[in-house]
N, C-alpha and C. Protein backbone atom coordinates (compact mmCIF):
# COMPACT_ATOMS: atom_id res chain seq x y z
N MET A 1 88.48 98.19 85.64
CA MET A 1 88.88 96.73 86.15
C MET A 1 87.44 96.59 87.73
N SER A 2 87.48 94.72 87.87
CA SER A 2 86.49 94.58 88.87
C SER A 2 87.01 94.60 90.11
N ILE A 3 85.71 94.47 90.76
CA ILE A 3 86.19 94.12 92.63
C ILE A 3 86.52 93.01 92.62
N TYR A 4 88.09 92.35 92.80
CA TYR A 4 88.36 90.88 93.35
C TYR A 4 87.13 90.14 94.01
N LYS A 5 87.19 88.99 93.10
CA LYS A 5 86.11 87.37 94.81
C LYS A 5 87.13 86.71 94.94
N GLY A 6 87.51 86.51 96.15
CA GLY A 6 88.02 85.28 96.27
C GLY A 6 89.07 85.82 98.23
N ASN A 7 90.21 84.72 98.19
CA ASN A 7 90.57 85.01 99.19
C ASN A 7 92.18 85.17 98.25
N ILE A 8 93.04 86.40 99.32
CA ILE A 8 94.46 86.39 99.65
C ILE A 8 94.87 86.35 100.20
N GLY A 9 96.53 86.76 99.95
CA GLY A 9 97.30 86.16 101.07
C GLY A 9 98.37 87.99 100.65
N ILE A 10 99.12 88.29 101.82
CA ILE A 10 100.12 88.71 102.08
C ILE A 10 101.53 88.23 101.26
N PHE A 11 102.16 88.11 101.07
CA PHE A 11 103.83 86.97 100.75
C PHE A 11 104.38 88.20 100.34
N LYS A 12 105.86 87.32 100.51
CA LYS A 12 107.39 87.83 100.48
C LYS A 12 107.19 87.15 98.43
N GLY A 13 107.93 87.96 97.94
CA GLY A 13 108.10 86.84 97.04
C GLY A 13 109.50 88.19 95.87
N THR A 14 109.54 87.89 94.61
CA THR A 14 110.95 88.42 94.04
C THR A 14 110.32 89.09 92.78
N TYR A 15 110.57 90.17 92.44
CA TYR A 15 110.56 90.53 91.14
C TYR A 15 111.82 91.69 90.65
N LYS A 16 112.44 91.05 89.20
CA LYS A 16 113.24 90.94 88.54
C LYS A 16 114.63 91.37 90.03
N GLY A 17 114.65 90.32 90.47
CA GLY A 17 115.89 90.16 91.68
C GLY A 17 115.63 90.34 92.52
N THR A 18 114.51 91.21 92.91
CA THR A 18 114.03 92.29 93.84
C THR A 18 113.28 91.44 95.27
N GLU A 19 113.48 91.69 96.23
CA GLU A 19 112.70 90.37 97.43
C GLU A 19 111.68 92.34 97.81
N VAL A 20 110.10 91.52 97.45
CA VAL A 20 108.62 92.58 97.47
C VAL A 20 107.94 91.38 98.47
N VAL A 21 106.91 93.03 98.42
CA VAL A 21 105.49 92.22 99.33
C VAL A 21 104.28 92.30 98.33
N LYS A 22 104.08 91.02 98.40
CA LYS A 22 103.86 91.01 97.06
C LYS A 22 101.99 90.59 97.39
N LEU A 23 100.98 90.30 96.81
CA LEU A 23 99.57 90.14 96.61
C LEU A 23 99.48 88.92 95.96
N ILE A 24 98.86 87.85 96.75
CA ILE A 24 98.45 86.50 95.62
C ILE A 24 97.40 85.87 96.25
N LYS A 25 96.64 85.18 95.12
CA LYS A 25 95.75 84.59 95.21
C LYS A 25 95.41 83.44 96.11
N SER A 26 95.07 82.92 97.58
CA SER A 26 94.80 81.84 98.61
C SER A 26 93.98 81.47 98.99
N VAL A 27 93.21 79.86 98.96
CA VAL A 27 92.19 79.60 98.71
C VAL A 27 91.58 79.53 100.35
N ASP A 28 93.65 79.83 101.19
CA ASP A 28 93.33 79.65 102.76
C ASP A 28 93.61 80.97 103.07
N GLY A 29 93.74 82.10 102.28
CA GLY A 29 93.92 83.80 102.43
C GLY A 29 93.06 84.33 103.45
N ALA A 30 93.46 85.32 104.27
CA ALA A 30 92.92 85.70 105.40
C ALA A 30 92.03 86.88 105.35
N TYR A 31 92.51 87.74 103.83
CA TYR A 31 91.93 88.74 103.27
C TYR A 31 90.99 88.07 101.55
N ASN A 32 89.39 89.38 102.15
CA ASN A 32 88.99 89.40 100.75
C ASN A 32 89.21 91.44 100.55
N SER A 33 87.51 91.42 100.03
CA SER A 33 87.81 92.39 99.50
C SER A 33 86.76 93.49 100.40
N GLU A 34 85.94 93.04 101.63
CA GLU A 34 85.71 93.18 102.29
C GLU A 34 86.98 93.84 103.74
N ASN A 35 87.74 93.37 103.49
CA ASN A 35 89.13 93.61 104.35
C ASN A 35 89.64 94.51 103.97
N ALA A 36 89.36 96.05 102.34
CA ALA A 36 90.60 96.06 101.95
C ALA A 36 91.66 96.98 102.92
N TYR A 37 91.17 97.76 103.57
CA TYR A 37 91.94 98.87 104.95
C TYR A 37 92.87 97.62 105.34
N GLU A 38 92.71 96.95 106.22
CA GLU A 38 93.17 95.75 106.69
C GLU A 38 94.69 95.15 106.11
N ILE A 39 93.98 94.69 104.56
CA ILE A 39 95.02 94.31 104.12
C ILE A 39 95.98 95.54 103.82
N LEU A 40 95.65 96.93 103.39
CA LEU A 40 96.70 97.56 103.19
C LEU A 40 97.62 98.29 104.88
N VAL A 41 97.13 97.95 106.29
CA VAL A 41 97.32 98.15 106.98
C VAL A 41 98.53 96.94 107.64
N LYS A 42 98.23 96.04 106.98
CA LYS A 42 99.24 94.66 107.51
C LYS A 42 100.43 95.18 106.17
N ALA A 43 100.12 95.00 104.78
CA ALA A 43 101.45 95.42 104.11
C ALA A 43 101.77 96.58 104.29
N LEU A 44 101.46 97.76 105.26
CA LEU A 44 102.66 98.17 104.87
C LEU A 44 103.09 98.15 106.65
N GLU A 45 102.70 97.25 107.63
CA GLU A 45 103.55 96.92 108.72
C GLU A 45 104.46 95.96 107.97
N LEU A 46 104.12 94.73 107.35
CA LEU A 46 105.74 93.94 107.06
C LEU A 46 106.16 94.96 106.21
N SER A 47 105.67 95.93 104.99
CA SER A 47 107.08 96.81 104.26
C SER A 47 108.31 96.76 105.22
N LYS A 48 107.74 97.66 106.08
CA LYS A 48 108.50 98.51 106.81
C LYS A 48 109.50 97.98 108.33
N ALA A 49 108.94 96.79 108.85
CA ALA A 49 108.68 95.84 109.40
C ALA A 49 110.50 94.94 108.68
N ARG A 50 109.95 94.29 107.25
CA ARG A 50 111.38 93.46 106.88
C ARG A 50 112.03 94.63 105.93
N LYS A 51 111.86 95.82 106.09
CA LYS A 51 112.45 96.72 104.99
C LYS A 51 112.11 96.66 103.21
N LEU A 52 110.85 95.53 102.91
CA LEU A 52 110.53 95.28 101.73
C LEU A 52 110.04 96.18 100.90
N PRO A 53 109.75 96.48 99.87
CA PRO A 53 109.29 97.31 98.98
C PRO A 53 107.79 96.36 98.94
N LEU A 54 107.19 97.63 98.54
CA LEU A 54 104.76 97.26 97.60
C LEU A 54 105.41 96.58 96.01
N PHE A 55 105.00 95.78 96.14
CA PHE A 55 104.91 95.19 94.50
C PHE A 55 104.32 96.03 94.23
N THR A 56 104.86 96.96 92.73
CA THR A 56 104.15 97.75 92.01
C THR A 56 102.69 97.47 91.81
N TRP A 57 102.47 96.15 90.92
CA TRP A 57 101.13 95.51 90.30
C TRP A 57 100.63 95.24 91.31
N SER A 58 100.77 95.22 92.50
CA SER A 58 99.84 94.58 93.68
C SER A 58 99.56 96.16 94.71
N PHE A 59 100.30 97.10 94.65
CA PHE A 59 99.46 98.01 95.68
C PHE A 59 100.44 98.79 94.15
N TYR A 60 98.80 100.63 94.25
CA TYR A 60 98.67 101.06 93.96
C TYR A 60 97.36 102.43 93.74
N VAL A 61 98.67 103.83 93.52
CA VAL A 61 97.58 105.20 93.69
C VAL A 61 96.97 105.76 92.05
N PRO A 62 95.79 104.93 91.70
CA PRO A 62 95.87 105.78 90.11
C PRO A 62 95.55 107.04 89.90
N SER A 63 94.75 107.90 90.88
CA SER A 63 94.95 108.93 90.98
C SER A 63 96.33 109.67 91.19
N LYS A 64 97.54 109.34 91.32
CA LYS A 64 98.39 109.83 91.84
C LYS A 64 99.97 109.24 90.56
N ASP A 65 99.56 108.22 90.10
CA ASP A 65 100.01 107.52 88.90
C ASP A 65 101.47 106.97 89.78
N ARG A 66 101.58 106.52 90.86
CA ARG A 66 102.69 105.31 91.62
C ARG A 66 102.05 103.89 92.40
N ILE A 67 102.71 103.88 93.21
CA ILE A 67 102.56 103.03 94.38
C ILE A 67 102.97 103.50 95.47
N ILE A 68 101.85 102.60 96.16
CA ILE A 68 101.27 103.01 98.12
C ILE A 68 102.65 103.16 98.66
N GLN A 69 102.55 104.23 99.70
CA GLN A 69 103.89 104.36 100.66
C GLN A 69 103.09 104.70 101.90
N GLN A 70 103.80 105.24 102.29
CA GLN A 70 103.78 104.81 104.05
C GLN A 70 102.72 105.54 104.51
N SER A 71 102.81 106.62 103.62
CA SER A 71 102.35 108.31 103.78
C SER A 71 101.05 108.22 103.78
N ASP A 72 100.20 107.80 102.47
CA ASP A 72 99.08 107.37 102.22
C ASP A 72 97.88 106.15 103.26
N LEU A 73 99.01 105.91 103.93
CA LEU A 73 97.96 105.72 105.72
C LEU A 73 97.31 107.13 106.16
N LYS A 74 97.42 108.18 106.47
CA LYS A 74 97.05 109.08 106.80
C LYS A 74 96.42 109.10 106.00
N LEU A 75 96.28 109.52 104.83
CA LEU A 75 95.04 110.32 103.80
C LEU A 75 93.82 109.17 103.72
N VAL A 76 93.99 107.75 103.40
CA VAL A 76 92.52 106.75 103.42
C VAL A 76 92.28 106.98 104.82
N ASP A 77 92.88 107.51 106.57
CA ASP A 77 92.24 107.68 107.72
C ASP A 77 91.27 108.70 107.66
N ASP A 78 91.98 110.35 106.65
CA ASP A 78 91.17 110.98 107.17
C ASP A 78 89.57 111.08 105.46
N GLY A 79 89.78 110.32 105.27
CA GLY A 79 89.01 110.24 104.00
C GLY A 79 88.39 110.16 102.45
N ILE A 80 90.24 110.66 102.39
CA ILE A 80 90.42 110.79 100.51
C ILE A 80 90.37 110.42 99.86
N LEU A 81 91.43 109.42 100.49
CA LEU A 81 91.33 107.95 99.62
C LEU A 81 90.57 106.17 99.99
N ASN A 82 90.17 106.03 99.63
CA ASN A 82 89.21 104.23 100.01
C ASN A 82 90.25 103.31 99.56
N PRO A 83 90.42 102.35 100.00
CA PRO A 83 91.66 101.37 99.58
C PRO A 83 89.94 100.46 99.23
N VAL A 84 90.46 99.53 97.68
CA VAL A 84 89.91 98.60 96.95
C VAL A 84 90.42 97.61 96.73
N LEU A 85 89.90 96.39 96.83
CA LEU A 85 90.76 95.69 96.39
C LEU A 85 90.48 94.97 94.92
N GLN A 86 90.91 95.08 94.15
CA GLN A 86 90.71 94.52 92.50
C GLN A 86 91.06 93.72 91.41
N ALA A 87 90.75 92.95 90.85
CA ALA A 87 91.91 92.02 89.76
C ALA A 87 91.96 93.63 89.20
N ASP A 88 93.39 92.77 88.30
CA ASP A 88 94.11 93.52 87.35
C ASP A 88 93.48 93.02 86.53
N PHE A 89 93.93 93.19 84.82
CA PHE A 89 94.07 92.73 83.56
C PHE A 89 94.53 91.43 83.60
N PHE A 90 94.79 90.62 84.27
CA PHE A 90 94.94 89.61 84.09
C PHE A 90 94.33 88.41 85.62
N GLY A 91 93.39 89.21 85.94
CA GLY A 91 92.72 88.65 86.98
C GLY A 91 93.31 88.72 88.31
N LYS A 92 94.62 89.23 89.19
CA LYS A 92 95.57 89.28 89.82
C LYS A 92 94.87 89.77 90.98
N PRO A 93 94.86 89.57 91.91
CA PRO A 93 94.34 90.44 92.55
C PRO A 93 95.52 92.23 93.33
N ALA A 94 94.65 92.86 93.30
CA ALA A 94 95.61 94.30 93.23
C ALA A 94 94.62 95.29 94.43
N LEU A 95 95.63 96.23 95.61
CA LEU A 95 94.22 96.68 95.97
C LEU A 95 95.52 98.60 95.64
N ARG A 96 94.14 98.97 95.41
CA ARG A 96 94.41 100.46 94.46
C ARG A 96 93.39 101.33 95.35
N LEU A 97 94.46 102.51 96.08
CA LEU A 97 93.62 103.43 96.32
C LEU A 97 92.74 104.76 95.18
N MET A 98 91.62 104.51 95.72
CA MET A 98 90.58 104.77 95.08
C MET A 98 90.37 106.42 95.70
N LYS A 99 89.93 107.60 94.29
CA LYS A 99 88.66 108.31 95.12
C LYS A 99 87.35 108.44 96.02
N PRO A 100 86.87 108.08 96.52
CA PRO A 100 86.05 108.57 97.18
C PRO A 100 84.91 107.82 96.04
N ASP A 101 84.92 108.71 95.58
CA ASP A 101 83.51 108.75 93.99
C ASP A 101 83.81 108.00 93.48
N GLU A 102 85.26 107.02 93.58
CA GLU A 102 85.50 106.50 92.65
C GLU A 102 85.40 104.87 92.39
N LYS A 103 84.91 103.67 91.42
CA LYS A 103 84.39 102.54 92.25
C LYS A 103 85.30 101.86 91.41
N TYR A 104 85.95 102.05 90.54
CA TYR A 104 87.01 101.66 89.34
C TYR A 104 88.46 102.51 89.14
N SER A 105 89.28 101.55 88.70
CA SER A 105 90.59 102.48 88.23
C SER A 105 90.01 103.36 86.94
N PRO A 106 90.55 104.51 86.44
CA PRO A 106 90.04 104.60 85.74
C PRO A 106 91.06 103.75 84.56
N SER A 107 90.63 103.73 83.18
CA SER A 107 90.97 103.05 81.76
C SER A 107 92.64 103.86 81.79
N ARG A 108 93.62 103.28 80.89
CA ARG A 108 94.44 104.36 81.17
C ARG A 108 94.41 105.29 79.99
N LYS A 109 95.18 106.49 79.48
CA LYS A 109 95.06 107.12 78.50
C LYS A 109 95.25 106.55 76.97
N LYS A 110 94.51 106.56 75.82
CA LYS A 110 95.25 106.01 75.14
C LYS A 110 95.49 107.36 74.19
N ASN A 111 95.82 107.21 73.75
CA ASN A 111 96.46 108.23 72.31
C ASN A 111 95.44 108.44 71.60
N ALA A 112 95.40 109.97 71.30
CA ALA A 112 94.56 110.22 70.15
C ALA A 112 94.47 109.92 68.86
N LEU A 113 93.14 110.08 67.80
CA LEU A 113 93.19 109.49 66.87
C LEU A 113 93.46 110.51 65.79
N GLU A 114 93.73 110.31 65.14
CA GLU A 114 93.39 111.85 63.58
C GLU A 114 93.53 110.93 62.88
N GLN A 115 92.33 111.19 61.73
CA GLN A 115 92.47 110.09 60.65
C GLN A 115 93.10 110.52 59.55
N LEU A 116 93.90 110.50 58.89
CA LEU A 116 94.48 111.63 58.03
C LEU A 116 94.63 110.94 56.83
N ALA A 117 93.93 110.00 56.25
CA ALA A 117 93.55 109.61 54.88
C ALA A 117 92.29 109.10 54.90
């Protein structure tokens, strides 16, 4: 996945009938890839204040294969994980918490193929 180019906003949306906090591209958005840490802080703050879960496709920790949680902010502050705003497979913004030595999300593991004939 590549770095997301453009501005985004943090919105309340719905997914399968549940209200969630999402990242949506927005020309007038206050956030971009340069201030990914502020996106993380604001999204966690809004999630906690409004008691809404974060949207899985917008907020993800690839190394742990799960959605971002409130406790991940401490890992970011300690330098164990870095917030990176990336474009997902469909070009939509996604905040990923990456290890410091990673620039991009690792590809999903593909099934090993074995030629039979």
